[in-house]
PDB file of N, CA and C in Angstrom:
ATOM      1  N   MET A   1     -21.731 -92.212  95.461  1.00  0.00           N
ATOM      2  CA  MET A   1     -22.258 -91.427  94.372  1.00  0.00           C
ATOM      3  C   MET A   1     -22.967 -92.363  93.398  1.00  0.00           C
ATOM      4  N   LYS A   2     -24.131 -91.940  92.936  1.00  0.00           N
ATOM      5  CA  LYS A   2     -24.872 -92.699  91.938  1.00  0.00           C
ATOM      6  C   LYS A   2     -24.613 -92.082  90.565  1.00  0.00           C
ATOM      7  N   ILE A   3     -24.691 -92.894  89.535  1.00  0.00           N
ATOM      8  CA  ILE A   3     -24.503 -92.391  88.170  1.00  0.00           C
ATOM      9  C   ILE A   3     -25.473 -91.255  87.894  1.00  0.00           C
ATOM     10  N   GLU A   4     -26.696 -91.378  88.375  1.00  0.00           N
ATOM     11  CA  GLU A   4     -27.711 -90.355  88.136  1.00  0.00           C
ATOM     12  C   GLU A   4     -27.286 -88.991  88.672  1.00  0.00           C
ATOM     13  N   ASP A   5     -26.460 -88.980  89.724  1.00  0.00           N
ATOM     14  CA  ASP A   5     -25.998 -87.720  90.307  1.00  0.00           C
ATOM     15  C   ASP A   5     -25.105 -86.935  89.356  1.00  0.00           C
ATOM     16  N   LEU A   6     -24.556 -87.600  88.356  1.00  0.00           N
ATOM     17  CA  LEU A   6     -23.645 -86.937  87.427  1.00  0.00           C
ATOM     18  C   LEU A   6     -24.372 -86.316  86.237  1.00  0.00           C
ATOM     19  N   PHE A   7     -25.667 -86.577  86.116  1.00  0.00           N
ATOM     20  CA  PHE A   7     -26.466 -85.971  85.050  1.00  0.00           C
ATOM     21  C   PHE A   7     -27.003 -84.625  85.524  1.00  0.00           C
ATOM     22  N   PRO A   8     -27.141 -83.669  84.609  1.00  0.00           N
ATOM     23  CA  PRO A   8     -27.696 -82.361  84.985  1.00  0.00           C
ATOM     24  C   PRO A   8     -29.211 -82.450  85.167  1.00  0.00           C
ATOM     25  N   PRO A   9     -29.813 -81.435  85.795  1.00  0.00           N
ATOM     26  CA  PRO A   9     -31.278 -81.405  85.893  1.00  0.00           C
ATOM     27  C   PRO A   9     -31.911 -81.393  84.501  1.00  0.00           C
ATOM     28  N   CYS A  10     -33.117 -81.910  84.411  1.00  0.00           N
ATOM     29  CA  CYS A  10     -33.847 -81.997  83.145  1.00  0.00           C
ATOM     30  C   CYS A  10     -34.065 -80.607  82.547  1.00  0.00           C
ATOM     31  N   THR A  11     -33.804 -80.475  81.251  1.00  0.00           N
ATOM     32  CA  THR A  11     -34.038 -79.212  80.535  1.00  0.00           C
ATOM     33  C   THR A  11     -35.015 -79.401  79.384  1.00  0.00           C
ATOM     34  N   ILE A  12     -35.704 -80.522  79.354  1.00  0.00           N
ATOM     35  CA  ILE A  12     -36.627 -80.812  78.262  1.00  0.00           C
ATOM     36  C   ILE A  12     -37.888 -79.971  78.428  1.00  0.00           C
ATOM     37  N   GLU A  13     -38.169 -79.134  77.427  1.00  0.00           N
ATOM     38  CA  GLU A  13     -39.363 -78.294  77.456  1.00  0.00           C
ATOM     39  C   GLU A  13     -40.607 -79.174  77.522  1.00  0.00           C
ATOM     40  N   GLY A  14     -41.508 -78.844  78.411  1.00  0.00           N
ATOM     41  CA  GLY A  14     -42.760 -79.581  78.516  1.00  0.00           C
ATOM     42  C   GLY A  14     -42.666 -80.900  79.261  1.00  0.00           C
ATOM     43  N   CYS A  15     -41.518 -81.202  79.857  1.00  0.00           N
ATOM     44  CA  CYS A  15     -41.381 -82.456  80.612  1.00  0.00           C
ATOM     45  C   CYS A  15     -42.337 -82.416  81.807  1.00  0.00           C
ATOM     46  N   LYS A  16     -43.230 -83.385  81.881  1.00  0.00           N
ATOM     47  CA  LYS A  16     -44.240 -83.396  82.946  1.00  0.00           C
ATOM     48  C   LYS A  16     -43.636 -83.636  84.327  1.00  0.00           C
ATOM     49  N   ASP A  17     -42.436 -84.181  84.376  1.00  0.00           N
ATOM     50  CA  ASP A  17     -41.782 -84.467  85.654  1.00  0.00           C
ATOM     51  C   ASP A  17     -40.744 -83.418  86.038  1.00  0.00           C
ATOM     52  N   LYS A  18     -40.660 -82.330  85.272  1.00  0.00           N
ATOM     53  CA  LYS A  18     -39.581 -81.356  85.456  1.00  0.00           C
ATOM     54  C   LYS A  18     -39.665 -80.676  86.826  1.00  0.00           C
ATOM     55  N   THR A  19     -38.638 -80.893  87.623  1.00  0.00           N
ATOM     56  CA  THR A  19     -38.441 -80.234  88.909  1.00  0.00           C
ATOM     57  C   THR A  19     -36.948 -79.955  89.007  1.00  0.00           C
ATOM     58  N   PRO A  20     -36.509 -79.149  89.972  1.00  0.00           N
ATOM     59  CA  PRO A  20     -35.067 -78.888  90.089  1.00  0.00           C
ATOM     60  C   PRO A  20     -34.225 -80.147  90.303  1.00  0.00           C
ATOM     61  N   LEU A  21     -34.822 -81.211  90.849  1.00  0.00           N
ATOM     62  CA  LEU A  21     -34.066 -82.435  91.117  1.00  0.00           C
ATOM     63  C   LEU A  21     -34.270 -83.513  90.062  1.00  0.00           C
ATOM     64  N   HIS A  22     -35.216 -83.307  89.145  1.00  0.00           N
ATOM     65  CA  HIS A  22     -35.512 -84.320  88.124  1.00  0.00           C
ATOM     66  C   HIS A  22     -34.416 -84.348  87.064  1.00  0.00           C
ATOM     67  N   ILE A  23     -33.950 -85.535  86.739  1.00  0.00           N
ATOM     68  CA  ILE A  23     -33.016 -85.707  85.629  1.00  0.00           C
ATOM     69  C   ILE A  23     -33.711 -86.527  84.564  1.00  0.00           C
ATOM     70  N   HIS A  24     -33.178 -86.484  83.386  1.00  0.00           N
ATOM     71  CA  HIS A  24     -33.794 -87.207  82.278  1.00  0.00           C
ATOM     72  C   HIS A  24     -32.692 -87.957  81.539  1.00  0.00           C
ATOM     73  N   ILE A  25     -32.620 -89.262  81.740  1.00  0.00           N
ATOM     74  CA  ILE A  25     -31.632 -90.087  81.053  1.00  0.00           C
ATOM     75  C   ILE A  25     -32.325 -90.724  79.861  1.00  0.00           C
ATOM     76  N   LEU A  26     -31.798 -90.463  78.679  1.00  0.00           N
ATOM     77  CA  LEU A  26     -32.382 -91.010  77.457  1.00  0.00           C
ATOM     78  C   LEU A  26     -32.136 -92.518  77.383  1.00  0.00           C
ATOM     79  N   PRO A  27     -33.010 -93.262  76.709  1.00  0.00           N
ATOM     80  CA  PRO A  27     -32.814 -94.713  76.585  1.00  0.00           C
ATOM     81  C   PRO A  27     -31.439 -95.087  76.022  1.00  0.00           C
ATOM     82  N   LEU A  28     -30.955 -94.351  75.021  1.00  0.00           N
ATOM     83  CA  LEU A  28     -29.627 -94.593  74.447  1.00  0.00           C
ATOM     84  C   LEU A  28     -28.547 -94.448  75.516  1.00  0.00           C
ATOM     85  N   GLN A  29     -28.679 -93.425  76.356  1.00  0.00           N
ATOM     86  CA  GLN A  29     -27.704 -93.183  77.410  1.00  0.00           C
ATOM     87  C   GLN A  29     -27.750 -94.285  78.466  1.00  0.00           C
ATOM     88  N   GLN A  30     -28.949 -94.702  78.862  1.00  0.00           N
ATOM     89  CA  GLN A  30     -29.085 -95.756  79.870  1.00  0.00           C
ATOM     90  C   GLN A  30     -28.527 -97.074  79.353  1.00  0.00           C
ATOM     91  N   GLU A  31     -28.805 -97.381  78.094  1.00  0.00           N
ATOM     92  CA  GLU A  31     -28.288 -98.617  77.489  1.00  0.00           C
ATOM     93  C   GLU A  31     -26.758 -98.623  77.500  1.00  0.00           C
ATOM     94  N   PHE A  32     -26.155 -97.483  77.180  1.00  0.00           N
ATOM     95  CA  PHE A  32     -24.696 -97.359  77.193  1.00  0.00           C
ATOM     96  C   PHE A  32     -24.152 -97.563  78.612  1.00  0.00           C
ATOM     97  N   LEU A  33     -24.758 -96.909  79.580  1.00  0.00           N
ATOM     98  CA  LEU A  33     -24.285 -96.999  80.961  1.00  0.00           C
ATOM     99  C   LEU A  33     -24.482 -98.388  81.560  1.00  0.00           C
ATOM    100  N   ASP A  34     -25.481 -99.116  81.098  1.00  0.00           N
ATOM    101  CA  ASP A  34     -25.756-100.465  81.605  1.00  0.00           C
ATOM    102  C   ASP A  34     -24.992-101.562  80.864  1.00  0.00           C
ATOM    103  N   ALA A  35     -24.309-101.218  79.788  1.00  0.00           N
ATOM    104  CA  ALA A  35     -23.638-102.220  78.951  1.00  0.00           C
ATOM    105  C   ALA A  35     -22.588-102.986  79.754  1.00  0.00           C
ATOM    106  N   THR A  36     -22.513-104.282  79.515  1.00  0.00           N
ATOM    107  CA  THR A  36     -21.530-105.120  80.200  1.00  0.00           C
ATOM    108  C   THR A  36     -20.432-105.598  79.246  1.00  0.00           C
ATOM    109  N   GLU A  37     -20.576-105.270  77.975  1.00  0.00           N
ATOM    110  CA  GLU A  37     -19.570-105.672  76.993  1.00  0.00           C
ATOM    111  C   GLU A  37     -18.256-104.936  77.252  1.00  0.00           C
ATOM    112  N   ARG A  38     -17.164-105.530  76.814  1.00  0.00           N
ATOM    113  CA  ARG A  38     -15.854-104.908  77.005  1.00  0.00           C
ATOM    114  C   ARG A  38     -15.712-103.645  76.162  1.00  0.00           C
ATOM    115  N   PHE A  39     -16.217-103.666  74.951  1.00  0.00           N
ATOM    116  CA  PHE A  39     -16.150-102.512  74.058  1.00  0.00           C
ATOM    117  C   PHE A  39     -17.566-102.074  73.718  1.00  0.00           C
ATOM    118  N   VAL A  40     -17.832-100.800  73.880  1.00  0.00           N
ATOM    119  CA  VAL A  40     -19.146-100.249  73.544  1.00  0.00           C
ATOM    120  C   VAL A  40     -18.953 -98.996  72.698  1.00  0.00           C
ATOM    121  N   ALA A  41     -19.977 -98.633  71.960  1.00  0.00           N
ATOM    122  CA  ALA A  41     -19.925 -97.435  71.119  1.00  0.00           C
ATOM    123  C   ALA A  41     -21.240 -96.691  71.235  1.00  0.00           C
ATOM    124  N   LEU A  42     -21.146 -95.383  71.199  1.00  0.00           N
ATOM    125  CA  LEU A  42     -22.329 -94.532  71.133  1.00  0.00           C
ATOM    126  C   LEU A  42     -22.404 -93.995  69.717  1.00  0.00           C
ATOM    127  N   ILE A  43     -23.479 -94.303  69.031  1.00  0.00           N
ATOM    128  CA  ILE A  43     -23.627 -93.868  67.646  1.00  0.00           C
ATOM    129  C   ILE A  43     -24.950 -93.131  67.527  1.00  0.00           C
ATOM    130  N   GLY A  44     -24.899 -91.934  66.987  1.00  0.00           N
ATOM    131  CA  GLY A  44     -26.114 -91.147  66.819  1.00  0.00           C
ATOM    132  C   GLY A  44     -25.794 -89.831  66.155  1.00  0.00           C
ATOM    133  N   GLY A  45     -26.809 -89.126  65.782  1.00  0.00           N
ATOM    134  CA  GLY A  45     -26.652 -87.847  65.101  1.00  0.00           C
ATOM    135  C   GLY A  45     -26.230 -86.731  66.039  1.00  0.00           C
ATOM    136  N   TYR A  46     -25.983 -85.577  65.449  1.00  0.00           N
ATOM    137  CA  TYR A  46     -25.601 -84.381  66.196  1.00  0.00           C
ATOM    138  C   TYR A  46     -26.691 -84.048  67.218  1.00  0.00           C
ATOM    139  N   GLY A  47     -26.288 -83.851  68.458  1.00  0.00           N
ATOM    140  CA  GLY A  47     -27.236 -83.473  69.497  1.00  0.00           C
ATOM    141  C   GLY A  47     -28.087 -84.608  70.036  1.00  0.00           C
ATOM    142  N   SER A  48     -27.680 -85.852  69.790  1.00  0.00           N
ATOM    143  CA  SER A  48     -28.507 -86.986  70.222  1.00  0.00           C
ATOM    144  C   SER A  48     -28.186 -87.472  71.637  1.00  0.00           C
ATOM    145  N   GLY A  49     -27.226 -86.844  72.311  1.00  0.00           N
ATOM    146  CA  GLY A  49     -26.951 -87.199  73.701  1.00  0.00           C
ATOM    147  C   GLY A  49     -25.821 -88.184  73.915  1.00  0.00           C
ATOM    148  N   LYS A  50     -24.824 -88.167  73.042  1.00  0.00           N
ATOM    149  CA  LYS A  50     -23.709 -89.116  73.162  1.00  0.00           C
ATOM    150  C   LYS A  50     -22.628 -88.630  74.120  1.00  0.00           C
ATOM    151  N   THR A  51     -22.324 -87.349  74.096  1.00  0.00           N
ATOM    152  CA  THR A  51     -21.175 -86.821  74.828  1.00  0.00           C
ATOM    153  C   THR A  51     -21.327 -86.962  76.336  1.00  0.00           C
ATOM    154  N   LEU A  52     -22.484 -86.651  76.870  1.00  0.00           N
ATOM    155  CA  LEU A  52     -22.674 -86.685  78.323  1.00  0.00           C
ATOM    156  C   LEU A  52     -22.419 -88.065  78.923  1.00  0.00           C
ATOM    157  N   PRO A  53     -23.057 -89.133  78.442  1.00  0.00           N
ATOM    158  CA  PRO A  53     -22.762 -90.438  79.053  1.00  0.00           C
ATOM    159  C   PRO A  53     -21.320 -90.887  78.813  1.00  0.00           C
ATOM    160  N   ALA A  54     -20.720 -90.482  77.697  1.00  0.00           N
ATOM    161  CA  ALA A  54     -19.316 -90.832  77.446  1.00  0.00           C
ATOM    162  C   ALA A  54     -18.412 -90.149  78.473  1.00  0.00           C
ATOM    163  N   CYS A  55     -18.683 -88.883  78.770  1.00  0.00           N
ATOM    164  CA  CYS A  55     -17.891 -88.168  79.775  1.00  0.00           C
ATOM    165  C   CYS A  55     -18.109 -88.766  81.162  1.00  0.00           C
ATOM    166  N   ILE A  56     -19.346 -89.125  81.472  1.00  0.00           N
ATOM    167  CA  ILE A  56     -19.642 -89.747  82.767  1.00  0.00           C
ATOM    168  C   ILE A  56     -18.909 -91.080  82.890  1.00  0.00           C
ATOM    169  N   MET A  57     -18.978 -91.899  81.854  1.00  0.00           N
ATOM    170  CA  MET A  57     -18.299 -93.198  81.894  1.00  0.00           C
ATOM    171  C   MET A  57     -16.786 -93.014  82.012  1.00  0.00           C
ATOM    172  N   GLY A  58     -16.230 -92.066  81.271  1.00  0.00           N
ATOM    173  CA  GLY A  58     -14.797 -91.796  81.366  1.00  0.00           C
ATOM    174  C   GLY A  58     -14.392 -91.407  82.776  1.00  0.00           C
ATOM    175  N   HIS A  59     -15.181 -90.561  83.399  1.00  0.00           N
ATOM    176  CA  HIS A  59     -14.889 -90.138  84.771  1.00  0.00           C
ATOM    177  C   HIS A  59     -14.993 -91.319  85.741  1.00  0.00           C
ATOM    178  N   LEU A  60     -16.060 -92.100  85.617  1.00  0.00           N
ATOM    179  CA  LEU A  60     -16.237 -93.243  86.521  1.00  0.00           C
ATOM    180  C   LEU A  60     -15.114 -94.262  86.380  1.00  0.00           C
ATOM    181  N   LEU A  61     -14.681 -94.519  85.160  1.00  0.00           N
ATOM    182  CA  LEU A  61     -13.565 -95.448  84.956  1.00  0.00           C
ATOM    183  C   LEU A  61     -12.281 -94.897  85.562  1.00  0.00           C
ATOM    184  N   SER A  62     -12.070 -93.595  85.406  1.00  0.00           N
ATOM    185  CA  SER A  62     -10.841 -92.992  85.927  1.00  0.00           C
ATOM    186  C   SER A  62     -10.771 -93.035  87.445  1.00  0.00           C
ATOM    187  N   ILE A  63     -11.906 -92.895  88.120  1.00  0.00           N
ATOM    188  CA  ILE A  63     -11.861 -92.911  89.591  1.00  0.00           C
ATOM    189  C   ILE A  63     -11.975 -94.316  90.174  1.00  0.00           C
ATOM    190  N   SER A  64     -12.428 -95.285  89.385  1.00  0.00           N
ATOM    191  CA  SER A  64     -12.629 -96.623  89.940  1.00  0.00           C
ATOM    192  C   SER A  64     -11.509 -97.608  89.628  1.00  0.00           C
ATOM    193  N   ILE A  65     -10.640 -97.275  88.694  1.00  0.00           N
ATOM    194  CA  ILE A  65      -9.552 -98.178  88.322  1.00  0.00           C
ATOM    195  C   ILE A  65      -8.227 -97.528  88.713  1.00  0.00           C
ATOM    196  N   PRO A  66      -7.551 -98.048  89.741  1.00  0.00           N
ATOM    197  CA  PRO A  66      -6.288 -97.451  90.166  1.00  0.00           C
ATOM    198  C   PRO A  66      -5.283 -97.380  89.012  1.00  0.00           C
ATOM    199  N   GLY A  67      -4.662 -96.228  88.861  1.00  0.00           N
ATOM    200  CA  GLY A  67      -3.652 -96.044  87.821  1.00  0.00           C
ATOM    201  C   GLY A  67      -4.214 -95.857  86.428  1.00  0.00           C
ATOM    202  N   ASN A  68      -5.542 -95.815  86.307  1.00  0.00           N
ATOM    203  CA  ASN A  68      -6.156 -95.651  84.984  1.00  0.00           C
ATOM    204  C   ASN A  68      -5.815 -94.289  84.397  1.00  0.00           C
ATOM    205  N   MET A  69      -5.475 -94.291  83.134  1.00  0.00           N
ATOM    206  CA  MET A  69      -5.262 -93.048  82.395  1.00  0.00           C
ATOM    207  C   MET A  69      -6.209 -93.076  81.207  1.00  0.00           C
ATOM    208  N   GLY A  70      -6.967 -92.028  81.048  1.00  0.00           N
ATOM    209  CA  GLY A  70      -7.922 -91.974  79.947  1.00  0.00           C
ATOM    210  C   GLY A  70      -7.617 -90.816  79.026  1.00  0.00           C
ATOM    211  N   ILE A  71      -8.251 -90.841  77.886  1.00  0.00           N
ATOM    212  CA  ILE A  71      -8.094 -89.754  76.928  1.00  0.00           C
ATOM    213  C   ILE A  71      -9.450 -89.509  76.274  1.00  0.00           C
ATOM    214  N   ILE A  72      -9.760 -88.254  76.077  1.00  0.00           N
ATOM    215  CA  ILE A  72     -10.998 -87.873  75.407  1.00  0.00           C
ATOM    216  C   ILE A  72     -10.606 -87.189  74.111  1.00  0.00           C
ATOM    217  N   LEU A  73     -11.127 -87.700  73.026  1.00  0.00           N
ATOM    218  CA  LEU A  73     -10.775 -87.182  71.704  1.00  0.00           C
ATOM    219  C   LEU A  73     -12.013 -86.710  70.960  1.00  0.00           C
ATOM    220  N   ARG A  74     -11.814 -85.763  70.074  1.00  0.00           N
ATOM    221  CA  ARG A  74     -12.839 -85.336  69.119  1.00  0.00           C
ATOM    222  C   ARG A  74     -12.149 -85.147  67.782  1.00  0.00           C
ATOM    223  N   ARG A  75     -12.926 -85.072  66.743  1.00  0.00           N
ATOM    224  CA  ARG A  75     -12.373 -84.937  65.397  1.00  0.00           C
ATOM    225  C   ARG A  75     -11.631 -83.609  65.211  1.00  0.00           C
ATOM    226  N   SER A  76     -12.080 -82.568  65.908  1.00  0.00           N
ATOM    227  CA  SER A  76     -11.427 -81.264  65.770  1.00  0.00           C
ATOM    228  C   SER A  76     -11.302 -80.598  67.137  1.00  0.00           C
ATOM    229  N   LEU A  77     -10.298 -79.742  67.271  1.00  0.00           N
ATOM    230  CA  LEU A  77     -10.075 -79.034  68.527  1.00  0.00           C
ATOM    231  C   LEU A  77     -11.249 -78.128  68.892  1.00  0.00           C
ATOM    232  N   PRO A  78     -11.840 -77.387  67.934  1.00  0.00           N
ATOM    233  CA  PRO A  78     -12.991 -76.557  68.316  1.00  0.00           C
ATOM    234  C   PRO A  78     -14.146 -77.373  68.906  1.00  0.00           C
ATOM    235  N   LYS A  79     -14.427 -78.537  68.333  1.00  0.00           N
ATOM    236  CA  LYS A  79     -15.510 -79.370  68.872  1.00  0.00           C
ATOM    237  C   LYS A  79     -15.144 -79.894  70.265  1.00  0.00           C
ATOM    238  N   LEU A  80     -13.885 -80.255  70.456  1.00  0.00           N
ATOM    239  CA  LEU A  80     -13.434 -80.712  71.767  1.00  0.00           C
ATOM    240  C   LEU A  80     -13.594 -79.594  72.785  1.00  0.00           C
ATOM    241  N   HIS A  81     -13.167 -78.406  72.428  1.00  0.00           N
ATOM    242  CA  HIS A  81     -13.201 -77.271  73.342  1.00  0.00           C
ATOM    243  C   HIS A  81     -14.618 -76.766  73.584  1.00  0.00           C
ATOM    244  N   ASP A  82     -15.419 -76.653  72.530  1.00  0.00           N
ATOM    245  CA  ASP A  82     -16.730 -76.011  72.642  1.00  0.00           C
ATOM    246  C   ASP A  82     -17.780 -76.863  73.338  1.00  0.00           C
ATOM    247  N   SER A  83     -17.731 -78.165  73.176  1.00  0.00           N
ATOM    248  CA  SER A  83     -18.780 -78.974  73.810  1.00  0.00           C
ATOM    249  C   SER A  83     -18.217 -80.021  74.764  1.00  0.00           C
ATOM    250  N   THR A  84     -17.328 -80.848  74.300  1.00  0.00           N
ATOM    251  CA  THR A  84     -16.875 -81.984  75.103  1.00  0.00           C
ATOM    252  C   THR A  84     -16.166 -81.538  76.378  1.00  0.00           C
ATOM    253  N   GLU A  85     -15.271 -80.583  76.268  1.00  0.00           N
ATOM    254  CA  GLU A  85     -14.556 -80.110  77.460  1.00  0.00           C
ATOM    255  C   GLU A  85     -15.526 -79.507  78.471  1.00  0.00           C
ATOM    256  N   ARG A  86     -16.459 -78.703  77.991  1.00  0.00           N
ATOM    257  CA  ARG A  86     -17.447 -78.079  78.876  1.00  0.00           C
ATOM    258  C   ARG A  86     -18.273 -79.145  79.603  1.00  0.00           C
ATOM    259  N   ILE A  87     -18.748 -80.129  78.861  1.00  0.00           N
ATOM    260  CA  ILE A  87     -19.572 -81.184  79.456  1.00  0.00           C
ATOM    261  C   ILE A  87     -18.760 -82.008  80.453  1.00  0.00           C
ATOM    262  N   PHE A  88     -17.514 -82.341  80.114  1.00  0.00           N
ATOM    263  CA  PHE A  88     -16.673 -83.116  81.024  1.00  0.00           C
ATOM    264  C   PHE A  88     -16.417 -82.342  82.320  1.00  0.00           C
ATOM    265  N   LEU A  89     -16.142 -81.047  82.211  1.00  0.00           N
ATOM    266  CA  LEU A  89     -15.912 -80.234  83.407  1.00  0.00           C
ATOM    267  C   LEU A  89     -17.175 -80.130  84.261  1.00  0.00           C
ATOM    268  N   GLU A  90     -18.347 -80.079  83.625  1.00  0.00           N
ATOM    269  CA  GLU A  90     -19.608 -80.072  84.374  1.00  0.00           C
ATOM    270  C   GLU A  90     -19.796 -81.386  85.133  1.00  0.00           C
ATOM    271  N   VAL A  91     -19.434 -82.502  84.508  1.00  0.00           N
ATOM    272  CA  VAL A  91     -19.514 -83.807  85.175  1.00  0.00           C
ATOM    273  C   VAL A  91     -18.583 -83.819  86.388  1.00  0.00           C
ATOM    274  N   LEU A  92     -17.360 -83.332  86.216  1.00  0.00           N
ATOM    275  CA  LEU A  92     -16.413 -83.283  87.339  1.00  0.00           C
ATOM    276  C   LEU A  92     -16.947 -82.409  88.465  1.00  0.00           C
ATOM    277  N   GLU A  93     -17.572 -81.294  88.102  1.00  0.00           N
ATOM    278  CA  GLU A  93     -18.128 -80.395  89.112  1.00  0.00           C
ATOM    279  C   GLU A  93     -19.259 -81.074  89.895  1.00  0.00           C
ATOM    280  N   ARG A  94     -20.160 -81.753  89.185  1.00  0.00           N
ATOM    281  CA  ARG A  94     -21.264 -82.441  89.867  1.00  0.00           C
ATOM    282  C   ARG A  94     -20.755 -83.589  90.744  1.00  0.00           C
ATOM    283  N   SER A  95     -19.602 -84.163  90.388  1.00  0.00           N
ATOM    284  CA  SER A  95     -19.049 -85.271  91.175  1.00  0.00           C
ATOM    285  C   SER A  95     -18.282 -84.783  92.401  1.00  0.00           C
ATOM    286  N   GLY A  96     -18.002 -83.484  92.436  1.00  0.00           N
ATOM    287  CA  GLY A  96     -17.221 -82.937  93.534  1.00  0.00           C
ATOM    288  C   GLY A  96     -15.725 -83.024  93.314  1.00  0.00           C
ATOM    289  N   GLU A  97     -15.308 -83.424  92.120  1.00  0.00           N
ATOM    290  CA  GLU A  97     -13.886 -83.577  91.808  1.00  0.00           C
ATOM    291  C   GLU A  97     -13.252 -82.278  91.320  1.00  0.00           C
ATOM    292  N   LEU A  98     -14.056 -81.265  91.069  1.00  0.00           N
ATOM    293  CA  LEU A  98     -13.518 -80.005  90.528  1.00  0.00           C
ATOM    294  C   LEU A  98     -13.873 -78.865  91.436  1.00  0.00           C
TER     295      LEU A  98
END
């Protein structure tokens, strides 16, 4: 499985490359996924694309490190339930784990 397989199809209006198989990884997301540092952070405004790569990285770490236990947190339960949980479950579905 490639990391790109865990991203959804592109939904950017007017994207010249938009096809059912085209994905669109933002520079911030690619930088996060390529990071080699032990500790990394995603910092950005609301809707800037932080949750998806964080969920992808969490999933990849959980399946690649034997015995790994992870936790996904948000500041409030509604935010965890309304966006983060949905996105994480979509990542699991695209990976074939759900």
